[in-house]
Amino acid sequence: MKKYIILFPLYNDWASLWKLSKEINDHIKGLNAKFSFLFINDASTEKRSNLESTLTNIDSIKVINMKINHLSGRCIATGLKYINENEEFDYVIVMDSDGEDRPESLVELFNKSLEFPDKTIVVNRVQRSENFFYKLMYKMHKVITLIFTGKLIRFGNFTCLPKKCVKDLISQGCLWNSFSATVEKIVKNKISMDANRGKRYFGPSKTSYLKLIHHSFTIISVFTKIVFFRVLLISLIYFFIIYSKISVLNLFPLFLYLEFYLKLHFEFRFL
C-alpha cells in the first residue's frame, strides 16, 4: 500500500487547518493508501488548539515549528528535507492550509497519481476569488515573470511529488527561494490538472500586494542566468533605440534594469 504524506505550510491558520484536516479525513475514506500529515508552522503568533483525535483515516500527524517567519516557500523546502531524511513515503502532496486547495481536488490528485505513478502532478488554479485589482496585479506578475524567465508558471504549491522528485528537489539550492519555480525549472517528467480555487474557511486572506511583489522576485531569482541574458538583450535593444538621442532621462530605464538585476542577484539569492 502506497504512503502519501500531505505537507501543509501554515501561518496562523489553525482553525482552517483543523476544518480542512477533518474534510480530508472524510474524503480519503476508502482510498487504497496510507495518509499522514506534516504541518510546518511558520512561527505562528496564535496558539494552536489540541490536535483532534477524530482523524481515523490519518496514520500520523507531526508538527515542525519554524523559529522565525519565512513564508510558505521555505516552509515547504524544510518539510521536504525533513520527509526525505526521516520518513518512509512514496508521494508527498503539498497543500495550502486555508481551504483554498479543496479536499475534492486532493482526491482527483490522488487518482491522477495512480494513473501516472512516476510523474509529478501540478495543479493549475482555473478560478480565483480575490478582488479585481488583485487579479489584475496577479496577471501582471505572470506577464513580468514570463518576460524575464520565459516561463509561464500557472501552478502554485498544490502538487503531488513522487519520491524521486522529492530527492531531486531537495538537492537544489533554489528550492529555498521558490518551490513552484524550482519544480518548473528541474522537473521534466510532470503533468498538470485543473482545479477551481476554494474559499478560505476562516479569517481574511494572508495575501497582499507586497507579498505578491516578493513572490515575483523569488520566482525570477530561480532563473538568474536566463534573466541576465534577457536583461542584457532588452538593455542592448533599448540602447540602440535611444543611441541617437542619449540623455540622462532616457538612460534612466537602463539604470532601473541594472538595479533590478543587482537586487535580484544579491537580495534574493540564498545559495
C-alpha atoms as a PDB file:
ATOM      1  CA  MET A   1       0.000   0.000   0.000  1.00  0.00           C
ATOM      2  CA  LYS A   2       1.428   3.369  -1.041  1.00  0.00           C
ATOM      3  CA  LYS A   3       2.121   6.025   1.586  1.00  0.00           C
ATOM      4  CA  TYR A   4       1.244   9.663   0.987  1.00  0.00           C
ATOM      5  CA  ILE A   5       2.474  12.453   3.251  1.00  0.00           C
ATOM      6  CA  ILE A   6       0.449  15.655   2.968  1.00  0.00           C
ATOM      7  CA  LEU A   7       2.609  18.687   3.702  1.00  0.00           C
ATOM      8  CA  PHE A   8       0.929  21.885   4.905  1.00  0.00           C
ATOM      9  CA  PRO A   9       2.797  25.178   5.396  1.00  0.00           C
ATOM     10  CA  LEU A  10       0.767  27.464   7.645  1.00  0.00           C
ATOM     11  CA  TYR A  11       0.806  30.752   9.494  1.00  0.00           C
ATOM     12  CA  ASN A  12      -1.988  31.472  11.993  1.00  0.00           C
ATOM     13  CA  ASP A  13      -4.469  29.300  10.080  1.00  0.00           C
ATOM     14  CA  TRP A  14      -5.096  26.694  12.778  1.00  0.00           C
ATOM     15  CA  ALA A  15      -8.905  26.862  12.639  1.00  0.00           C
ATOM     16  CA  SER A  16      -8.876  26.458   8.849  1.00  0.00           C
ATOM     17  CA  LEU A  17      -6.322  23.656   9.078  1.00  0.00           C
ATOM     18  CA  TRP A  18      -8.421  21.639  11.554  1.00  0.00           C
ATOM     19  CA  LYS A  19     -11.505  22.015   9.357  1.00  0.00           C
ATOM     20  CA  LEU A  20      -9.530  21.051   6.262  1.00  0.00           C
ATOM     21  CA  SER A  21      -7.977  18.072   8.092  1.00  0.00           C
ATOM     22  CA  LYS A  22     -11.418  16.749   9.042  1.00  0.00           C
ATOM     23  CA  GLU A  23     -12.709  17.142   5.491  1.00  0.00           C
ATOM     24  CA  ILE A  24      -9.661  15.394   4.046  1.00  0.00           C
ATOM     25  CA  ASN A  25     -10.131  12.605   6.601  1.00  0.00           C
ATOM     26  CA  ASP A  26     -13.691  12.120   5.309  1.00  0.00           C
ATOM     27  CA  HIS A  27     -12.796  12.338   1.620  1.00  0.00           C
ATOM     28  CA  ILE A  28      -9.952   9.802   1.715  1.00  0.00           C
ATOM     29  CA  LYS A  29     -12.033   7.145   3.446  1.00  0.00           C
ATOM     30  CA  GLY A  30     -11.881   4.010   1.339  1.00  0.00           C
ATOM     31  CA  LEU A  31      -8.865   5.064  -0.728  1.00  0.00           C
ATOM     32  CA  ASN A  32      -6.293   2.297  -1.036  1.00  0.00           C
ATOM     33  CA  ALA A  33      -3.363   4.180   0.518  1.00  0.00           C
ATOM     34  CA  LYS A  34      -1.948   5.372   3.829  1.00  0.00           C
ATOM     35  CA  PHE A  35      -2.019   9.090   4.592  1.00  0.00           C
ATOM     36  CA  SER A  36      -0.025  11.147   7.091  1.00  0.00           C
ATOM     37  CA  PHE A  37       0.049  14.870   7.836  1.00  0.00           C
ATOM     38  CA  LEU A  38       3.085  17.104   8.314  1.00  0.00           C
ATOM     39  CA  PHE A  39       2.351  20.672   9.441  1.00  0.00           C
ATOM     40  CA  ILE A  40       5.104  23.281   9.054  1.00  0.00           C
ATOM     41  CA  ASN A  41       4.209  26.046  11.496  1.00  0.00           C
ATOM     42  CA  ASP A  42       5.773  29.246  10.145  1.00  0.00           C
ATOM     43  CA  ALA A  43       6.320  30.876  13.576  1.00  0.00           C
ATOM     44  CA  SER A  44       2.589  31.477  14.102  1.00  0.00           C
ATOM     45  CA  THR A  45       1.699  34.077  16.698  1.00  0.00           C
ATOM     46  CA  GLU A  46      -1.619  32.421  17.536  1.00  0.00           C
ATOM     47  CA  LYS A  47      -1.715  29.385  19.787  1.00  0.00           C
ATOM     48  CA  ARG A  48      -2.896  26.188  18.217  1.00  0.00           C
ATOM     49  CA  SER A  49      -5.630  24.106  19.762  1.00  0.00           C
ATOM     50  CA  ASN A  50      -5.046  20.474  20.663  1.00  0.00           C
ATOM     51  CA  LEU A  51      -4.758  18.085  17.746  1.00  0.00           C
ATOM     52  CA  GLU A  52      -8.035  16.378  17.004  1.00  0.00           C
ATOM     53  CA  SER A  53      -8.217  12.659  17.786  1.00  0.00           C
ATOM     54  CA  THR A  54     -11.076  12.008  15.335  1.00  0.00           C
ATOM     55  CA  LEU A  55      -8.929  11.735  12.222  1.00  0.00           C
ATOM     56  CA  THR A  56      -9.359   7.996  11.963  1.00  0.00           C
ATOM     57  CA  ASN A  57      -8.087   7.755   8.371  1.00  0.00           C
ATOM     58  CA  ILE A  58      -4.802   9.561   9.072  1.00  0.00           C
ATOM     59  CA  ASP A  59      -1.875   7.399  10.175  1.00  0.00           C
ATOM     60  CA  SER A  60       0.127  10.150  11.893  1.00  0.00           C
ATOM     61  CA  ILE A  61       0.284  13.897  12.455  1.00  0.00           C
ATOM     62  CA  LYS A  62       3.560  15.724  13.006  1.00  0.00           C
ATOM     63  CA  VAL A  63       4.313  19.425  13.529  1.00  0.00           C
ATOM     64  CA  ILE A  64       7.576  21.235  12.783  1.00  0.00           C
ATOM     65  CA  ASN A  65       7.822  24.709  14.322  1.00  0.00           C
ATOM     66  CA  MET A  66       9.910  27.302  12.491  1.00  0.00           C
ATOM     67  CA  LYS A  67      11.778  29.686  14.801  1.00  0.00           C
ATOM     68  CA  ILE A  68      11.149  32.742  12.614  1.00  0.00           C
ATOM     69  CA  ASN A  69       8.635  33.505   9.865  1.00  0.00           C
ATOM     70  CA  HIS A  70       9.971  32.536   6.424  1.00  0.00           C
ATOM     71  CA  LEU A  71       6.800  32.434   4.251  1.00  0.00           C
ATOM     72  CA  SER A  72       5.489  29.270   2.653  1.00  0.00           C
ATOM     73  CA  GLY A  73       8.316  28.580   0.177  1.00  0.00           C
ATOM     74  CA  ARG A  74      10.966  27.890   2.793  1.00  0.00           C
ATOM     75  CA  CYS A  75       8.463  26.003   4.935  1.00  0.00           C
ATOM     76  CA  ILE A  76       7.850  23.636   2.030  1.00  0.00           C
ATOM     77  CA  ALA A  77      11.593  23.212   1.480  1.00  0.00           C
ATOM     78  CA  THR A  78      12.045  22.473   5.194  1.00  0.00           C
ATOM     79  CA  GLY A  79       9.229  19.931   5.113  1.00  0.00           C
ATOM     80  CA  LEU A  80      10.527  18.149   2.028  1.00  0.00           C
ATOM     81  CA  LYS A  81      14.023  17.925   3.510  1.00  0.00           C
ATOM     82  CA  TYR A  82      12.634  16.518   6.768  1.00  0.00           C
ATOM     83  CA  ILE A  83      10.449  13.967   4.977  1.00  0.00           C
ATOM     84  CA  ASN A  84      13.276  12.758   2.756  1.00  0.00           C
ATOM     85  CA  GLU A  85      15.615  12.302   5.727  1.00  0.00           C
ATOM     86  CA  ASN A  86      13.193  10.899   8.299  1.00  0.00           C
ATOM     87  CA  GLU A  87      10.122   9.318   6.724  1.00  0.00           C
ATOM     88  CA  GLU A  88       9.169   6.303   4.671  1.00  0.00           C
ATOM     89  CA  PHE A  89       6.947   7.502   1.820  1.00  0.00           C
ATOM     90  CA  ASP A  90       6.003   7.084  -1.807  1.00  0.00           C
ATOM     91  CA  TYR A  91       4.490  10.505  -2.518  1.00  0.00           C
ATOM     92  CA  VAL A  92       4.344  13.960  -0.961  1.00  0.00           C
ATOM     93  CA  ILE A  93       1.293  16.124  -1.593  1.00  0.00           C
ATOM     94  CA  VAL A  94       1.798  19.824  -0.860  1.00  0.00           C
ATOM     95  CA  MET A  95      -1.355  21.781   0.027  1.00  0.00           C
ATOM     96  CA  ASP A  96      -2.250  25.204   1.370  1.00  0.00           C
ATOM     97  CA  SER A  97      -3.785  25.045   4.841  1.00  0.00           C
ATOM     98  CA  ASP A  98      -6.589  27.613   4.494  1.00  0.00           C
ATOM     99  CA  GLY A  99      -9.113  25.676   2.389  1.00  0.00           C
ATOM    100  CA  GLU A 100      -8.244  27.216  -0.983  1.00  0.00           C
ATOM    101  CA  ASP A 101      -6.860  23.821  -2.068  1.00  0.00           C
ATOM    102  CA  ARG A 102     -10.016  21.742  -1.828  1.00  0.00           C
ATOM    103  CA  PRO A 103     -10.282  18.169  -0.431  1.00  0.00           C
ATOM    104  CA  GLU A 104     -12.211  17.171  -3.570  1.00  0.00           C
ATOM    105  CA  SER A 105      -9.228  18.202  -5.676  1.00  0.00           C
ATOM    106  CA  LEU A 106      -6.967  16.172  -3.387  1.00  0.00           C
ATOM    107  CA  VAL A 107      -8.916  13.031  -4.309  1.00  0.00           C
ATOM    108  CA  GLU A 108      -8.581  13.919  -8.012  1.00  0.00           C
ATOM    109  CA  LEU A 109      -4.853  14.409  -7.475  1.00  0.00           C
ATOM    110  CA  PHE A 110      -4.597  11.017  -5.761  1.00  0.00           C
ATOM    111  CA  ASN A 111      -6.424   9.287  -8.637  1.00  0.00           C
ATOM    112  CA  LYS A 112      -4.160  11.036 -11.116  1.00  0.00           C
ATOM    113  CA  SER A 113      -1.112   9.696  -9.261  1.00  0.00           C
ATOM    114  CA  LEU A 114      -2.457   6.154  -9.691  1.00  0.00           C
ATOM    115  CA  GLU A 115      -2.872   6.763 -13.407  1.00  0.00           C
ATOM    116  CA  PHE A 116       0.597   8.320 -13.780  1.00  0.00           C
ATOM    117  CA  PRO A 117       2.634   6.863 -10.896  1.00  0.00           C
ATOM    118  CA  ASP A 118       6.051   8.166 -11.982  1.00  0.00           C
ATOM    119  CA  LYS A 119       5.026  11.701 -12.856  1.00  0.00           C
ATOM    120  CA  THR A 120       4.930  14.863 -10.787  1.00  0.00           C
ATOM    121  CA  ILE A 121       1.426  16.330 -10.922  1.00  0.00           C
ATOM    122  CA  VAL A 122       0.947  20.094 -10.668  1.00  0.00           C
ATOM    123  CA  VAL A 123      -2.425  21.758 -10.154  1.00  0.00           C
ATOM    124  CA  ASN A 124      -3.412  24.839 -12.153  1.00  0.00           C
ATOM    125  CA  ARG A 125      -5.943  27.056 -10.410  1.00  0.00           C
ATOM    126  CA  VAL A 126      -8.512  27.997 -13.047  1.00  0.00           C
ATOM    127  CA  GLN A 127     -10.626  30.291 -10.881  1.00  0.00           C
ATOM    128  CA  ARG A 128      -9.569  32.921  -8.363  1.00  0.00           C
ATOM    129  CA  SER A 129     -11.669  34.669  -5.712  1.00  0.00           C
ATOM    130  CA  GLU A 130      -9.691  37.864  -4.986  1.00  0.00           C
ATOM    131  CA  ASN A 131     -10.845  41.370  -5.879  1.00  0.00           C
ATOM    132  CA  PHE A 132     -10.468  42.744  -9.402  1.00  0.00           C
ATOM    133  CA  PHE A 133      -7.363  44.842  -8.698  1.00  0.00           C
ATOM    134  CA  TYR A 134      -5.512  41.930  -7.087  1.00  0.00           C
ATOM    135  CA  LYS A 135      -6.418  39.680 -10.027  1.00  0.00           C
ATOM    136  CA  LEU A 136      -5.058  42.360 -12.366  1.00  0.00           C
ATOM    137  CA  MET A 137      -1.835  42.607 -10.359  1.00  0.00           C
ATOM    138  CA  TYR A 138      -1.570  38.813 -10.377  1.00  0.00           C
ATOM    139  CA  LYS A 139      -1.841  38.751 -14.168  1.00  0.00           C
ATOM    140  CA  MET A 140       0.852  41.440 -14.381  1.00  0.00           C
ATOM    141  CA  HIS A 141       3.025  39.265 -12.133  1.00  0.00           C
ATOM    142  CA  LYS A 142       2.570  36.384 -14.581  1.00  0.00           C
ATOM    143  CA  VAL A 143       3.486  38.581 -17.553  1.00  0.00           C
ATOM    144  CA  ILE A 144       6.575  40.014 -15.833  1.00  0.00           C
ATOM    145  CA  THR A 145       7.879  36.582 -14.850  1.00  0.00           C
ATOM    146  CA  LEU A 146       7.228  35.381 -18.406  1.00  0.00           C
ATOM    147  CA  ILE A 147       9.188  38.312 -19.877  1.00  0.00           C
ATOM    148  CA  PHE A 148      12.213  37.813 -17.636  1.00  0.00           C
ATOM    149  CA  THR A 149      12.270  33.999 -17.388  1.00  0.00           C
ATOM    150  CA  GLY A 150      10.462  32.724 -20.469  1.00  0.00           C
ATOM    151  CA  LYS A 151       8.300  30.623 -18.143  1.00  0.00           C
ATOM    152  CA  LEU A 152       4.540  30.880 -17.630  1.00  0.00           C
ATOM    153  CA  ILE A 153       4.038  29.155 -14.274  1.00  0.00           C
ATOM    154  CA  ARG A 154       0.329  28.525 -13.775  1.00  0.00           C
ATOM    155  CA  PHE A 155       0.579  26.281 -10.734  1.00  0.00           C
ATOM    156  CA  GLY A 156       1.349  27.056  -7.100  1.00  0.00           C
ATOM    157  CA  ASN A 157       2.025  24.897  -4.062  1.00  0.00           C
ATOM    158  CA  PHE A 158      -0.654  22.266  -4.713  1.00  0.00           C
ATOM    159  CA  THR A 159       1.295  19.347  -6.198  1.00  0.00           C
ATOM    160  CA  CYS A 160       1.876  15.609  -5.911  1.00  0.00           C
ATOM    161  CA  LEU A 161       5.557  14.648  -5.862  1.00  0.00           C
ATOM    162  CA  PRO A 162       6.868  11.094  -6.306  1.00  0.00           C
ATOM    163  CA  LYS A 163       9.750  10.104  -4.027  1.00  0.00           C
ATOM    164  CA  LYS A 164      12.367  10.525  -6.756  1.00  0.00           C
ATOM    165  CA  CYS A 165      11.148  14.047  -7.442  1.00  0.00           C
ATOM    166  CA  VAL A 166      11.451  14.958  -3.744  1.00  0.00           C
ATOM    167  CA  LYS A 167      15.070  13.773  -3.775  1.00  0.00           C
ATOM    168  CA  ASP A 168      15.772  15.813  -6.900  1.00  0.00           C
ATOM    169  CA  LEU A 169      14.173  18.944  -5.468  1.00  0.00           C
ATOM    170  CA  ILE A 170      15.998  18.995  -2.144  1.00  0.00           C
ATOM    171  CA  SER A 171      19.325  18.805  -3.958  1.00  0.00           C
ATOM    172  CA  GLN A 172      18.592  22.215  -5.489  1.00  0.00           C
ATOM    173  CA  GLY A 173      19.573  25.305  -3.509  1.00  0.00           C
ATOM    174  CA  CYS A 174      16.984  27.353  -5.392  1.00  0.00           C
ATOM    175  CA  LEU A 175      14.242  25.322  -3.695  1.00  0.00           C
ATOM    176  CA  TRP A 176      14.711  27.625  -0.692  1.00  0.00           C
ATOM    177  CA  ASN A 177      13.810  30.588  -2.915  1.00  0.00           C
ATOM    178  CA  SER A 178      10.701  29.308  -4.656  1.00  0.00           C
ATOM    179  CA  PHE A 179       9.034  25.905  -4.647  1.00  0.00           C
ATOM    180  CA  SER A 180       6.921  26.273  -7.805  1.00  0.00           C
ATOM    181  CA  ALA A 181       9.739  27.862  -9.830  1.00  0.00           C
ATOM    182  CA  THR A 182      12.145  25.075  -8.851  1.00  0.00           C
ATOM    183  CA  VAL A 183       9.596  22.443  -9.886  1.00  0.00           C
ATOM    184  CA  GLU A 184       9.201  24.251 -13.219  1.00  0.00           C
ATOM    185  CA  LYS A 185      12.963  24.501 -13.669  1.00  0.00           C
ATOM    186  CA  ILE A 186      14.133  20.969 -12.892  1.00  0.00           C
ATOM    187  CA  VAL A 187      11.159  18.589 -13.115  1.00  0.00           C
ATOM    188  CA  LYS A 188      10.682  17.498 -16.696  1.00  0.00           C
ATOM    189  CA  ASN A 189       8.508  14.453 -16.056  1.00  0.00           C
ATOM    190  CA  LYS A 190       5.346  16.267 -14.981  1.00  0.00           C
ATOM    191  CA  ILE A 191       1.731  16.702 -16.000  1.00  0.00           C
ATOM    192  CA  SER A 192      -0.901  19.205 -14.931  1.00  0.00           C
ATOM    193  CA  MET A 193      -4.546  19.133 -13.900  1.00  0.00           C
ATOM    194  CA  ASP A 194      -7.002  21.988 -13.466  1.00  0.00           C
ATOM    195  CA  ALA A 195      -8.875  22.707 -10.245  1.00  0.00           C
ATOM    196  CA  ASN A 196     -11.084  25.533  -9.057  1.00  0.00           C
ATOM    197  CA  ARG A 197      -9.738  27.505  -6.141  1.00  0.00           C
ATOM    198  CA  GLY A 198     -11.739  27.088  -2.949  1.00  0.00           C
ATOM    199  CA  LYS A 199     -12.590  29.832  -0.458  1.00  0.00           C
ATOM    200  CA  ARG A 200     -10.783  30.407   2.802  1.00  0.00           C
ATOM    201  CA  TYR A 201     -12.565  28.748   5.682  1.00  0.00           C
ATOM    202  CA  PHE A 202     -11.813  31.398   8.304  1.00  0.00           C
ATOM    203  CA  GLY A 203     -10.282  34.862   8.565  1.00  0.00           C
ATOM    204  CA  PRO A 204      -9.017  37.332   5.980  1.00  0.00           C
ATOM    205  CA  SER A 205      -6.637  36.352   3.210  1.00  0.00           C
ATOM    206  CA  LYS A 206      -2.927  36.453   4.044  1.00  0.00           C
ATOM    207  CA  THR A 207      -2.122  37.663   0.535  1.00  0.00           C
ATOM    208  CA  SER A 208      -1.000  41.250  -0.039  1.00  0.00           C
ATOM    209  CA  TYR A 209       0.479  43.312  -2.832  1.00  0.00           C
ATOM    210  CA  LEU A 210       3.877  43.394  -1.114  1.00  0.00           C
ATOM    211  CA  LYS A 211       3.866  39.610  -0.791  1.00  0.00           C
ATOM    212  CA  LEU A 212       2.941  39.334  -4.468  1.00  0.00           C
ATOM    213  CA  ILE A 213       5.941  41.501  -5.417  1.00  0.00           C
ATOM    214  CA  HIS A 214       8.189  39.397  -3.172  1.00  0.00           C
ATOM    215  CA  HIS A 215       6.707  36.268  -4.767  1.00  0.00           C
ATOM    216  CA  SER A 216       7.616  37.582  -8.231  1.00  0.00           C
ATOM    217  CA  PHE A 217      11.212  38.258  -7.202  1.00  0.00           C
ATOM    218  CA  THR A 218      11.647  34.814  -5.627  1.00  0.00           C
ATOM    219  CA  ILE A 219      10.333  33.080  -8.756  1.00  0.00           C
ATOM    220  CA  ILE A 220      12.528  35.156 -11.076  1.00  0.00           C
ATOM    221  CA  SER A 221      15.575  34.565  -8.837  1.00  0.00           C
ATOM    222  CA  VAL A 222      15.472  30.829  -9.649  1.00  0.00           C
ATOM    223  CA  PHE A 223      16.256  31.654 -13.294  1.00  0.00           C
ATOM    224  CA  THR A 224      19.072  34.190 -12.799  1.00  0.00           C
ATOM    225  CA  LYS A 225      21.136  33.025 -15.782  1.00  0.00           C
ATOM    226  CA  ILE A 226      18.185  33.353 -18.137  1.00  0.00           C
ATOM    227  CA  VAL A 227      17.267  36.686 -16.540  1.00  0.00           C
ATOM    228  CA  PHE A 228      20.812  38.016 -17.029  1.00  0.00           C
ATOM    229  CA  PHE A 229      20.768  37.378 -20.772  1.00  0.00           C
ATOM    230  CA  ARG A 230      17.215  38.694 -21.161  1.00  0.00           C
ATOM    231  CA  VAL A 231      18.001  41.884 -19.243  1.00  0.00           C
ATOM    232  CA  LEU A 232      21.174  42.282 -21.317  1.00  0.00           C
ATOM    233  CA  LEU A 233      19.263  41.764 -24.581  1.00  0.00           C
ATOM    234  CA  ILE A 234      16.482  44.192 -23.606  1.00  0.00           C
ATOM    235  CA  SER A 235      19.068  46.765 -22.498  1.00  0.00           C
ATOM    236  CA  LEU A 236      21.019  46.488 -25.769  1.00  0.00           C
ATOM    237  CA  ILE A 237      17.871  46.842 -27.872  1.00  0.00           C
ATOM    238  CA  TYR A 238      16.800  49.853 -25.840  1.00  0.00           C
ATOM    239  CA  PHE A 239      20.272  51.398 -26.056  1.00  0.00           C
ATOM    240  CA  PHE A 240      20.327  51.158 -29.865  1.00  0.00           C
ATOM    241  CA  ILE A 241      16.856  52.730 -29.983  1.00  0.00           C
ATOM    242  CA  ILE A 242      17.958  55.766 -27.949  1.00  0.00           C
ATOM    243  CA  TYR A 243      21.551  55.903 -29.275  1.00  0.00           C
ATOM    244  CA  SER A 244      20.997  58.948 -31.475  1.00  0.00           C
ATOM    245  CA  LYS A 245      19.422  60.978 -28.655  1.00  0.00           C
ATOM    246  CA  ILE A 246      21.070  59.855 -25.445  1.00  0.00           C
ATOM    247  CA  SER A 247      20.228  61.849 -22.338  1.00  0.00           C
ATOM    248  CA  VAL A 248      20.145  61.285 -18.606  1.00  0.00           C
ATOM    249  CA  LEU A 249      16.366  60.934 -18.804  1.00  0.00           C
ATOM    250  CA  ASN A 250      16.227  58.223 -21.433  1.00  0.00           C
ATOM    251  CA  LEU A 251      19.169  56.370 -19.831  1.00  0.00           C
ATOM    252  CA  PHE A 252      17.158  56.106 -16.627  1.00  0.00           C
ATOM    253  CA  PRO A 253      15.377  52.840 -17.648  1.00  0.00           C
ATOM    254  CA  LEU A 254      18.799  51.218 -18.103  1.00  0.00           C
ATOM    255  CA  PHE A 255      19.726  52.122 -14.536  1.00  0.00           C
ATOM    256  CA  LEU A 256      16.417  50.625 -13.396  1.00  0.00           C
ATOM    257  CA  TYR A 257      17.194  47.385 -15.248  1.00  0.00           C
ATOM    258  CA  LEU A 258      20.638  47.277 -13.611  1.00  0.00           C
ATOM    259  CA  GLU A 259      19.203  47.944 -10.162  1.00  0.00           C
ATOM    260  CA  PHE A 260      16.574  45.252 -10.727  1.00  0.00           C
ATOM    261  CA  TYR A 261      19.186  42.632 -11.618  1.00  0.00           C
ATOM    262  CA  LEU A 262      21.534  43.546  -8.756  1.00  0.00           C
ATOM    263  CA  LYS A 263      18.670  43.420  -6.259  1.00  0.00           C
ATOM    264  CA  LEU A 264      17.601  40.068  -7.649  1.00  0.00           C
ATOM    265  CA  HIS A 265      21.115  38.654  -7.534  1.00  0.00           C
ATOM    266  CA  PHE A 266      22.207  39.840  -4.097  1.00  0.00           C
ATOM    267  CA  GLU A 267      18.991  40.047  -2.050  1.00  0.00           C
ATOM    268  CA  PHE A 268      17.122  37.037  -3.434  1.00  0.00           C
ATOM    269  CA  ARG A 269      19.987  34.596  -3.868  1.00  0.00           C
ATOM    270  CA  PHE A 270      20.147  32.381  -0.812  1.00  0.00           C
ATOM    271  CA  LEU A 271      22.570  29.890  -2.338  1.00  0.00           C
END
